[in-house]
């Protein structure tokens, strides 16, 4: 039976439960999904993304909020989780700018007053831009996207644009937090968005650091890139117009794959 249009909290819970299947949680087997509702009824999903290097996990709340920033939106009116909020979720949100949410239930934070009805489909993660015809065009687009970065800690904006095999473009920017371990780089922001939306046809990525020409992904991003998109072609902005490129997995030779951890998780499931 369809839910009544006015029952927005219930609809958000259904959306969160439906998105759990997109989570990448091969080690814990504990998938989590978050749904951000915006003032016009648009909504953005985020899912838990685990890494073989456990501390590099992208929590569902952080994933959804970093996608929000990369898409150039800040008008959050509600945030729902597929499980009850935990203290670390709330601690992250309390330090995030422009959020004025109160507890409505153990799995829902929302602004005061009535909430808009969620739309039937999530907000598109794609940029309304044509696919670059050269690496120089890809860098130019990434430099424009870098203006969306949230960098109060470093004042060092970074942007990443992922191009799919069909020519669609997904943005990522660095999103900072007073607790530095909660900072998410542009590359991992984009990877989290890809997984939340079920996009797996990555062709190439364009990366730029507008204040340091020639920069390359940090070690944390190299680990996630090697795990999640090993064959992707990564183009890195540099003083040379064409930049330089490398296969994602080649940026971190002999990276930790976590194969033994997979076996442990499967054994635990079978027990």
C-alpha atoms as a PDB file:
ATOM      1  CA  UNK A   1       0.000   0.000   0.000  1.00  0.00           C
ATOM      2  CA  UNK A   2       1.459   3.438  -0.911  1.00  0.00           C
ATOM      3  CA  UNK A   3       2.417   5.643   2.001  1.00  0.00           C
ATOM      4  CA  UNK A   4       0.387   8.817   2.592  1.00  0.00           C
ATOM      5  CA  UNK A   5       2.199  11.809   0.996  1.00  0.00           C
ATOM      6  CA  UNK A   6       2.299  13.660   4.318  1.00  0.00           C
ATOM      7  CA  UNK A   7       4.145  10.853   6.106  1.00  0.00           C
ATOM      8  CA  UNK A   8       7.607  12.081   5.149  1.00  0.00           C
ATOM      9  CA  UNK A   9       9.480  10.397   8.058  1.00  0.00           C
ATOM     10  CA  UNK A  10       8.077   7.009   7.075  1.00  0.00           C
ATOM     11  CA  UNK A  11       8.972   7.601   3.430  1.00  0.00           C
ATOM     12  CA  UNK A  12      12.533   8.541   4.384  1.00  0.00           C
ATOM     13  CA  UNK A  13      12.861   5.339   6.418  1.00  0.00           C
ATOM     14  CA  UNK A  14      11.718   3.284   3.431  1.00  0.00           C
ATOM     15  CA  UNK A  15      14.222   5.059   1.175  1.00  0.00           C
ATOM     16  CA  UNK A  16      17.027   4.405   3.659  1.00  0.00           C
ATOM     17  CA  UNK A  17      16.135   0.720   3.962  1.00  0.00           C
ATOM     18  CA  UNK A  18      15.945   0.384   0.176  1.00  0.00           C
ATOM     19  CA  UNK A  19      19.422   1.920  -0.262  1.00  0.00           C
ATOM     20  CA  UNK A  20      21.116  -0.454   2.191  1.00  0.00           C
ATOM     21  CA  UNK A  21      21.733  -2.918  -0.634  1.00  0.00           C
ATOM     22  CA  UNK A  22      24.113  -0.407  -2.253  1.00  0.00           C
ATOM     23  CA  UNK A  23      26.440  -0.328   0.769  1.00  0.00           C
ATOM     24  CA  UNK A  24      29.948  -1.727   0.333  1.00  0.00           C
ATOM     25  CA  UNK A  25      30.421  -3.629   3.593  1.00  0.00           C
ATOM     26  CA  UNK A  26      32.231  -6.867   2.709  1.00  0.00           C
ATOM     27  CA  UNK A  27      34.189  -6.989   5.980  1.00  0.00           C
ATOM     28  CA  UNK A  28      31.669  -6.126   8.695  1.00  0.00           C
ATOM     29  CA  UNK A  29      28.576  -7.370   6.842  1.00  0.00           C
ATOM     30  CA  UNK A  30      26.764  -4.442   8.500  1.00  0.00           C
ATOM     31  CA  UNK A  31      25.478  -2.213   5.698  1.00  0.00           C
ATOM     32  CA  UNK A  32      24.171   1.264   6.522  1.00  0.00           C
ATOM     33  CA  UNK A  33      22.402   3.866   4.385  1.00  0.00           C
ATOM     34  CA  UNK A  34      21.567   7.530   4.937  1.00  0.00           C
ATOM     35  CA  UNK A  35      19.076   9.775   3.166  1.00  0.00           C
ATOM     36  CA  UNK A  36      19.358  13.568   3.091  1.00  0.00           C
ATOM     37  CA  UNK A  37      16.142  15.447   2.308  1.00  0.00           C
ATOM     38  CA  UNK A  38      16.426  18.936   0.805  1.00  0.00           C
ATOM     39  CA  UNK A  39      14.031  21.859   1.038  1.00  0.00           C
ATOM     40  CA  UNK A  40      12.484  21.210  -2.395  1.00  0.00           C
ATOM     41  CA  UNK A  41      11.878  17.473  -1.823  1.00  0.00           C
ATOM     42  CA  UNK A  42      15.034  16.367  -3.612  1.00  0.00           C
ATOM     43  CA  UNK A  43      17.023  13.745  -1.732  1.00  0.00           C
ATOM     44  CA  UNK A  44      20.562  12.401  -1.724  1.00  0.00           C
ATOM     45  CA  UNK A  45      21.618   8.904  -0.605  1.00  0.00           C
ATOM     46  CA  UNK A  46      24.827   7.869   1.110  1.00  0.00           C
ATOM     47  CA  UNK A  47      25.951   4.377   2.062  1.00  0.00           C
ATOM     48  CA  UNK A  48      28.657   2.859   4.184  1.00  0.00           C
ATOM     49  CA  UNK A  49      31.818   2.211   2.164  1.00  0.00           C
ATOM     50  CA  UNK A  50      34.360  -0.060   3.845  1.00  0.00           C
ATOM     51  CA  UNK A  51      38.040  -0.392   3.048  1.00  0.00           C
ATOM     52  CA  UNK A  52      40.475  -3.229   3.614  1.00  0.00           C
ATOM     53  CA  UNK A  53      42.304  -0.554   5.618  1.00  0.00           C
ATOM     54  CA  UNK A  54      39.509  -0.330   8.191  1.00  0.00           C
ATOM     55  CA  UNK A  55      40.136   3.234   9.337  1.00  0.00           C
ATOM     56  CA  UNK A  56      39.460   4.505   5.792  1.00  0.00           C
ATOM     57  CA  UNK A  57      35.795   3.529   5.977  1.00  0.00           C
ATOM     58  CA  UNK A  58      33.411   6.221   4.672  1.00  0.00           C
ATOM     59  CA  UNK A  59      30.385   6.259   7.029  1.00  0.00           C
ATOM     60  CA  UNK A  60      26.958   6.633   5.442  1.00  0.00           C
ATOM     61  CA  UNK A  61      26.330  10.062   7.016  1.00  0.00           C
ATOM     62  CA  UNK A  62      29.680  11.432   5.826  1.00  0.00           C
ATOM     63  CA  UNK A  63      29.124   9.919   2.378  1.00  0.00           C
ATOM     64  CA  UNK A  64      25.731  11.589   1.955  1.00  0.00           C
ATOM     65  CA  UNK A  65      26.895  14.982   3.248  1.00  0.00           C
ATOM     66  CA  UNK A  66      30.017  15.041   1.085  1.00  0.00           C
ATOM     67  CA  UNK A  67      27.909  14.216  -1.974  1.00  0.00           C
ATOM     68  CA  UNK A  68      25.628  17.099  -0.986  1.00  0.00           C
ATOM     69  CA  UNK A  69      28.566  19.526  -0.938  1.00  0.00           C
ATOM     70  CA  UNK A  70      29.952  18.280  -4.259  1.00  0.00           C
ATOM     71  CA  UNK A  71      26.543  18.811  -5.867  1.00  0.00           C
ATOM     72  CA  UNK A  72      26.477  22.395  -4.628  1.00  0.00           C
ATOM     73  CA  UNK A  73      23.583  22.085  -2.182  1.00  0.00           C
ATOM     74  CA  UNK A  74      23.385  22.944   1.535  1.00  0.00           C
ATOM     75  CA  UNK A  75      19.607  23.213   2.199  1.00  0.00           C
ATOM     76  CA  UNK A  76      19.207  20.098   4.348  1.00  0.00           C
ATOM     77  CA  UNK A  77      15.862  19.718   6.127  1.00  0.00           C
ATOM     78  CA  UNK A  78      16.091  16.092   7.279  1.00  0.00           C
ATOM     79  CA  UNK A  79      18.524  13.219   7.601  1.00  0.00           C
ATOM     80  CA  UNK A  80      17.404   9.617   8.063  1.00  0.00           C
ATOM     81  CA  UNK A  81      19.470   6.499   8.751  1.00  0.00           C
ATOM     82  CA  UNK A  82      18.713   2.828   8.211  1.00  0.00           C
ATOM     83  CA  UNK A  83      19.637   2.287  11.877  1.00  0.00           C
ATOM     84  CA  UNK A  84      19.512   4.501  14.986  1.00  0.00           C
ATOM     85  CA  UNK A  85      21.976   7.392  15.124  1.00  0.00           C
ATOM     86  CA  UNK A  86      25.099   6.801  17.196  1.00  0.00           C
ATOM     87  CA  UNK A  87      27.109   9.399  19.134  1.00  0.00           C
ATOM     88  CA  UNK A  88      29.776   9.559  16.406  1.00  0.00           C
ATOM     89  CA  UNK A  89      27.114  10.326  13.772  1.00  0.00           C
ATOM     90  CA  UNK A  90      25.715  13.176  15.856  1.00  0.00           C
ATOM     91  CA  UNK A  91      29.186  14.504  16.707  1.00  0.00           C
ATOM     92  CA  UNK A  92      30.005  14.780  13.013  1.00  0.00           C
ATOM     93  CA  UNK A  93      26.752  16.560  12.228  1.00  0.00           C
ATOM     94  CA  UNK A  94      27.076  19.039  15.095  1.00  0.00           C
ATOM     95  CA  UNK A  95      30.228  20.463  13.548  1.00  0.00           C
ATOM     96  CA  UNK A  96      28.913  20.563   9.983  1.00  0.00           C
ATOM     97  CA  UNK A  97      27.930  24.083   8.816  1.00  0.00           C
ATOM     98  CA  UNK A  98      24.387  25.199   8.039  1.00  0.00           C
ATOM     99  CA  UNK A  99      22.688  22.218   9.664  1.00  0.00           C
ATOM    100  CA  UNK A 100      19.855  23.113  12.035  1.00  0.00           C
ATOM    101  CA  UNK A 101      18.273  19.753  12.783  1.00  0.00           C
ATOM    102  CA  UNK A 102      16.619  18.390  15.893  1.00  0.00           C
ATOM    103  CA  UNK A 103      15.970  14.807  16.951  1.00  0.00           C
ATOM    104  CA  UNK A 104      12.614  13.599  15.656  1.00  0.00           C
ATOM    105  CA  UNK A 105      13.292   9.907  16.339  1.00  0.00           C
ATOM    106  CA  UNK A 106      16.301   7.712  17.017  1.00  0.00           C
ATOM    107  CA  UNK A 107      16.822   7.312  13.267  1.00  0.00           C
ATOM    108  CA  UNK A 108      15.689  10.770  12.090  1.00  0.00           C
ATOM    109  CA  UNK A 109      16.965  14.315  12.497  1.00  0.00           C
ATOM    110  CA  UNK A 110      14.906  17.099  10.936  1.00  0.00           C
ATOM    111  CA  UNK A 111      14.307  20.839  10.890  1.00  0.00           C
ATOM    112  CA  UNK A 112      11.406  22.254  12.845  1.00  0.00           C
ATOM    113  CA  UNK A 113       8.072  22.468  11.077  1.00  0.00           C
ATOM    114  CA  UNK A 114       6.560  20.451   8.225  1.00  0.00           C
ATOM    115  CA  UNK A 115       8.804  18.576   5.825  1.00  0.00           C
ATOM    116  CA  UNK A 116       8.446  18.418   2.027  1.00  0.00           C
ATOM    117  CA  UNK A 117       7.400  15.187   0.388  1.00  0.00           C
ATOM    118  CA  UNK A 118      10.389  13.293  -1.003  1.00  0.00           C
ATOM    119  CA  UNK A 119      10.485  12.999  -4.764  1.00  0.00           C
ATOM    120  CA  UNK A 120      10.160   9.627  -6.447  1.00  0.00           C
ATOM    121  CA  UNK A 121      13.832   9.492  -7.451  1.00  0.00           C
ATOM    122  CA  UNK A 122      17.068  10.755  -5.911  1.00  0.00           C
ATOM    123  CA  UNK A 123      18.732  13.950  -7.041  1.00  0.00           C
ATOM    124  CA  UNK A 124      20.937  13.206 -10.031  1.00  0.00           C
ATOM    125  CA  UNK A 125      24.627  12.928  -9.151  1.00  0.00           C
ATOM    126  CA  UNK A 126      25.673  14.019 -12.640  1.00  0.00           C
ATOM    127  CA  UNK A 127      26.931  17.386 -13.766  1.00  0.00           C
ATOM    128  CA  UNK A 128      25.012  19.102 -16.541  1.00  0.00           C
ATOM    129  CA  UNK A 129      28.138  19.281 -18.662  1.00  0.00           C
ATOM    130  CA  UNK A 130      29.324  17.504 -21.824  1.00  0.00           C
ATOM    131  CA  UNK A 131      32.126  14.981 -21.505  1.00  0.00           C
ATOM    132  CA  UNK A 132      35.578  16.555 -21.922  1.00  0.00           C
ATOM    133  CA  UNK A 133      37.219  16.011 -25.277  1.00  0.00           C
ATOM    134  CA  UNK A 134      40.707  16.358 -23.784  1.00  0.00           C
ATOM    135  CA  UNK A 135      42.438  16.210 -20.437  1.00  0.00           C
ATOM    136  CA  UNK A 136      42.789  20.006 -20.535  1.00  0.00           C
ATOM    137  CA  UNK A 137      38.978  20.324 -20.716  1.00  0.00           C
ATOM    138  CA  UNK A 138      38.642  17.839 -17.859  1.00  0.00           C
ATOM    139  CA  UNK A 139      40.993  19.877 -15.679  1.00  0.00           C
ATOM    140  CA  UNK A 140      39.183  23.122 -16.538  1.00  0.00           C
ATOM    141  CA  UNK A 141      35.900  21.572 -15.402  1.00  0.00           C
ATOM    142  CA  UNK A 142      37.469  20.225 -12.200  1.00  0.00           C
ATOM    143  CA  UNK A 143      38.884  23.674 -11.410  1.00  0.00           C
ATOM    144  CA  UNK A 144      35.393  25.168 -11.635  1.00  0.00           C
ATOM    145  CA  UNK A 145      33.990  22.433  -9.389  1.00  0.00           C
ATOM    146  CA  UNK A 146      36.730  23.128  -6.817  1.00  0.00           C
ATOM    147  CA  UNK A 147      34.839  26.276  -5.807  1.00  0.00           C
ATOM    148  CA  UNK A 148      32.349  23.961  -4.058  1.00  0.00           C
ATOM    149  CA  UNK A 149      34.977  22.498  -1.707  1.00  0.00           C
ATOM    150  CA  UNK A 150      34.398  22.982   2.032  1.00  0.00           C
ATOM    151  CA  UNK A 151      37.903  23.739   3.304  1.00  0.00           C
ATOM    152  CA  UNK A 152      37.780  25.797   6.544  1.00  0.00           C
ATOM    153  CA  UNK A 153      40.746  23.866   7.974  1.00  0.00           C
ATOM    154  CA  UNK A 154      43.219  24.034   5.098  1.00  0.00           C
ATOM    155  CA  UNK A 155      41.965  26.596   2.573  1.00  0.00           C
ATOM    156  CA  UNK A 156      43.225  24.044   0.039  1.00  0.00           C
ATOM    157  CA  UNK A 157      40.422  23.170  -2.404  1.00  0.00           C
ATOM    158  CA  UNK A 158      40.684  19.931  -4.359  1.00  0.00           C
ATOM    159  CA  UNK A 159      38.250  18.636  -6.967  1.00  0.00           C
ATOM    160  CA  UNK A 160      37.777  15.398  -8.837  1.00  0.00           C
ATOM    161  CA  UNK A 161      35.482  14.739 -11.799  1.00  0.00           C
ATOM    162  CA  UNK A 162      34.702  11.128 -12.706  1.00  0.00           C
ATOM    163  CA  UNK A 163      33.772  10.356 -16.301  1.00  0.00           C
ATOM    164  CA  UNK A 164      31.743   7.207 -16.946  1.00  0.00           C
ATOM    165  CA  UNK A 165      31.972   5.096 -20.091  1.00  0.00           C
ATOM    166  CA  UNK A 166      28.736   6.733 -21.270  1.00  0.00           C
ATOM    167  CA  UNK A 167      30.196  10.221 -20.872  1.00  0.00           C
ATOM    168  CA  UNK A 168      28.333  11.223 -17.701  1.00  0.00           C
ATOM    169  CA  UNK A 169      30.262  13.223 -15.109  1.00  0.00           C
ATOM    170  CA  UNK A 170      30.220  12.862 -11.301  1.00  0.00           C
ATOM    171  CA  UNK A 171      31.915  15.500  -9.095  1.00  0.00           C
ATOM    172  CA  UNK A 172      33.828  15.210  -5.858  1.00  0.00           C
ATOM    173  CA  UNK A 173      35.415  17.878  -3.655  1.00  0.00           C
ATOM    174  CA  UNK A 174      37.235  17.781  -0.344  1.00  0.00           C
ATOM    175  CA  UNK A 175      34.962  18.255   2.654  1.00  0.00           C
ATOM    176  CA  UNK A 176      36.706  19.211   5.885  1.00  0.00           C
ATOM    177  CA  UNK A 177      35.811  18.901   9.558  1.00  0.00           C
ATOM    178  CA  UNK A 178      37.394  20.237  12.774  1.00  0.00           C
ATOM    179  CA  UNK A 179      38.320  16.640  13.604  1.00  0.00           C
ATOM    180  CA  UNK A 180      40.826  15.916  10.887  1.00  0.00           C
ATOM    181  CA  UNK A 181      40.231  12.175  10.828  1.00  0.00           C
ATOM    182  CA  UNK A 182      36.722  12.979   9.543  1.00  0.00           C
ATOM    183  CA  UNK A 183      37.975  14.977   6.544  1.00  0.00           C
ATOM    184  CA  UNK A 184      37.109  13.414   3.188  1.00  0.00           C
ATOM    185  CA  UNK A 185      39.215  14.074   0.103  1.00  0.00           C
ATOM    186  CA  UNK A 186      37.736  14.811  -3.310  1.00  0.00           C
ATOM    187  CA  UNK A 187      38.607  11.406  -4.774  1.00  0.00           C
ATOM    188  CA  UNK A 188      36.973   9.464  -1.938  1.00  0.00           C
ATOM    189  CA  UNK A 189      33.993  11.832  -2.036  1.00  0.00           C
ATOM    190  CA  UNK A 190      33.453  10.909  -5.694  1.00  0.00           C
ATOM    191  CA  UNK A 191      33.985   7.188  -5.008  1.00  0.00           C
ATOM    192  CA  UNK A 192      31.386   7.281  -2.238  1.00  0.00           C
ATOM    193  CA  UNK A 193      28.887   8.938  -4.566  1.00  0.00           C
ATOM    194  CA  UNK A 194      29.495   6.310  -7.242  1.00  0.00           C
ATOM    195  CA  UNK A 195      28.771   3.473  -4.830  1.00  0.00           C
ATOM    196  CA  UNK A 196      25.704   5.153  -3.305  1.00  0.00           C
ATOM    197  CA  UNK A 197      24.196   5.531  -6.770  1.00  0.00           C
ATOM    198  CA  UNK A 198      25.297   2.147  -8.110  1.00  0.00           C
ATOM    199  CA  UNK A 199      27.535   3.647 -10.807  1.00  0.00           C
ATOM    200  CA  UNK A 200      30.260   1.196 -11.790  1.00  0.00           C
ATOM    201  CA  UNK A 201      31.240   2.161 -15.344  1.00  0.00           C
ATOM    202  CA  UNK A 202      34.149   4.450 -14.496  1.00  0.00           C
ATOM    203  CA  UNK A 203      36.360   5.328 -17.446  1.00  0.00           C
ATOM    204  CA  UNK A 204      38.599   8.089 -16.127  1.00  0.00           C
ATOM    205  CA  UNK A 205      38.968  10.696 -13.414  1.00  0.00           C
ATOM    206  CA  UNK A 206      40.299  14.253 -13.567  1.00  0.00           C
ATOM    207  CA  UNK A 207      41.963  15.585 -10.418  1.00  0.00           C
ATOM    208  CA  UNK A 208      43.054  19.132  -9.652  1.00  0.00           C
ATOM    209  CA  UNK A 209      44.512  20.994  -6.670  1.00  0.00           C
ATOM    210  CA  UNK A 210      43.988  24.623  -7.570  1.00  0.00           C
ATOM    211  CA  UNK A 211      46.700  25.898  -5.185  1.00  0.00           C
ATOM    212  CA  UNK A 212      49.359  23.325  -5.956  1.00  0.00           C
ATOM    213  CA  UNK A 213      49.782  22.342  -9.607  1.00  0.00           C
ATOM    214  CA  UNK A 214      51.171  18.864  -9.918  1.00  0.00           C
ATOM    215  CA  UNK A 215      49.650  17.366  -6.775  1.00  0.00           C
ATOM    216  CA  UNK A 216      48.686  13.702  -6.683  1.00  0.00           C
ATOM    217  CA  UNK A 217      46.234  11.650  -4.568  1.00  0.00           C
ATOM    218  CA  UNK A 218      47.140  11.139  -0.917  1.00  0.00           C
ATOM    219  CA  UNK A 219      47.862   7.649   0.365  1.00  0.00           C
ATOM    220  CA  UNK A 220      44.342   7.173   1.727  1.00  0.00           C
ATOM    221  CA  UNK A 221      42.799   7.994  -1.644  1.00  0.00           C
ATOM    222  CA  UNK A 222      45.276   5.752  -3.456  1.00  0.00           C
ATOM    223  CA  UNK A 223      44.179   2.839  -1.259  1.00  0.00           C
ATOM    224  CA  UNK A 224      40.476   3.373  -1.990  1.00  0.00           C
ATOM    225  CA  UNK A 225      41.088   3.990  -5.698  1.00  0.00           C
ATOM    226  CA  UNK A 226      43.093   0.780  -5.946  1.00  0.00           C
ATOM    227  CA  UNK A 227      40.403  -1.191  -4.116  1.00  0.00           C
ATOM    228  CA  UNK A 228      37.314   0.202  -5.822  1.00  0.00           C
ATOM    229  CA  UNK A 229      38.347   1.388  -9.322  1.00  0.00           C
ATOM    230  CA  UNK A 230      41.723  -0.258 -10.023  1.00  0.00           C
ATOM    231  CA  UNK A 231      41.461   0.013 -13.816  1.00  0.00           C
ATOM    232  CA  UNK A 232      40.311   3.634 -13.967  1.00  0.00           C
ATOM    233  CA  UNK A 233      42.525   6.102 -15.772  1.00  0.00           C
ATOM    234  CA  UNK A 234      43.431   8.942 -13.431  1.00  0.00           C
ATOM    235  CA  UNK A 235      44.462  12.257 -14.980  1.00  0.00           C
ATOM    236  CA  UNK A 236      46.326  14.604 -12.620  1.00  0.00           C
ATOM    237  CA  UNK A 237      46.512  18.325 -13.278  1.00  0.00           C
ATOM    238  CA  UNK A 238      50.011  19.746 -13.709  1.00  0.00           C
ATOM    239  CA  UNK A 239      51.756  22.726 -15.271  1.00  0.00           C
ATOM    240  CA  UNK A 240      51.767  20.822 -18.568  1.00  0.00           C
ATOM    241  CA  UNK A 241      48.432  21.420 -20.384  1.00  0.00           C
ATOM    242  CA  UNK A 242      47.818  17.702 -20.888  1.00  0.00           C
ATOM    243  CA  UNK A 243      48.681  16.801 -17.263  1.00  0.00           C
ATOM    244  CA  UNK A 244      49.826  13.276 -16.519  1.00  0.00           C
ATOM    245  CA  UNK A 245      47.972  10.018 -16.171  1.00  0.00           C
ATOM    246  CA  UNK A 246      48.231   6.664 -14.423  1.00  0.00           C
ATOM    247  CA  UNK A 247      46.100   3.595 -13.849  1.00  0.00           C
ATOM    248  CA  UNK A 248      44.525   3.879 -10.386  1.00  0.00           C
ATOM    249  CA  UNK A 249      46.014   0.627  -9.070  1.00  0.00           C
ATOM    250  CA  UNK A 250      49.487   1.612 -10.281  1.00  0.00           C
ATOM    251  CA  UNK A 251      49.529   4.592  -7.909  1.00  0.00           C
ATOM    252  CA  UNK A 252      49.876   2.188  -4.966  1.00  0.00           C
ATOM    253  CA  UNK A 253      51.848  -0.921  -5.955  1.00  0.00           C
ATOM    254  CA  UNK A 254      51.239  -3.956  -3.754  1.00  0.00           C
ATOM    255  CA  UNK A 255      48.322  -2.241  -2.012  1.00  0.00           C
ATOM    256  CA  UNK A 256      46.597  -4.131   0.785  1.00  0.00           C
ATOM    257  CA  UNK A 257      43.708  -6.028  -0.824  1.00  0.00           C
ATOM    258  CA  UNK A 258      42.217  -7.521   2.320  1.00  0.00           C
ATOM    259  CA  UNK A 259      41.779 -10.968   0.751  1.00  0.00           C
ATOM    260  CA  UNK A 260      42.307 -12.692   4.092  1.00  0.00           C
ATOM    261  CA  UNK A 261      39.708 -10.403   5.644  1.00  0.00           C
ATOM    262  CA  UNK A 262      37.191 -11.454   3.004  1.00  0.00           C
ATOM    263  CA  UNK A 263      37.798 -15.091   3.903  1.00  0.00           C
ATOM    264  CA  UNK A 264      37.354 -14.303   7.599  1.00  0.00           C
ATOM    265  CA  UNK A 265      34.052 -12.550   6.913  1.00  0.00           C
ATOM    266  CA  UNK A 266      32.780 -15.463   4.851  1.00  0.00           C
ATOM    267  CA  UNK A 267      33.783 -17.926   7.580  1.00  0.00           C
ATOM    268  CA  UNK A 268      31.941 -15.803  10.154  1.00  0.00           C
ATOM    269  CA  UNK A 269      28.828 -15.799   7.942  1.00  0.00           C
ATOM    270  CA  UNK A 270      28.903 -19.567   7.623  1.00  0.00           C
ATOM    271  CA  UNK A 271      29.253 -20.146  11.378  1.00  0.00           C
END
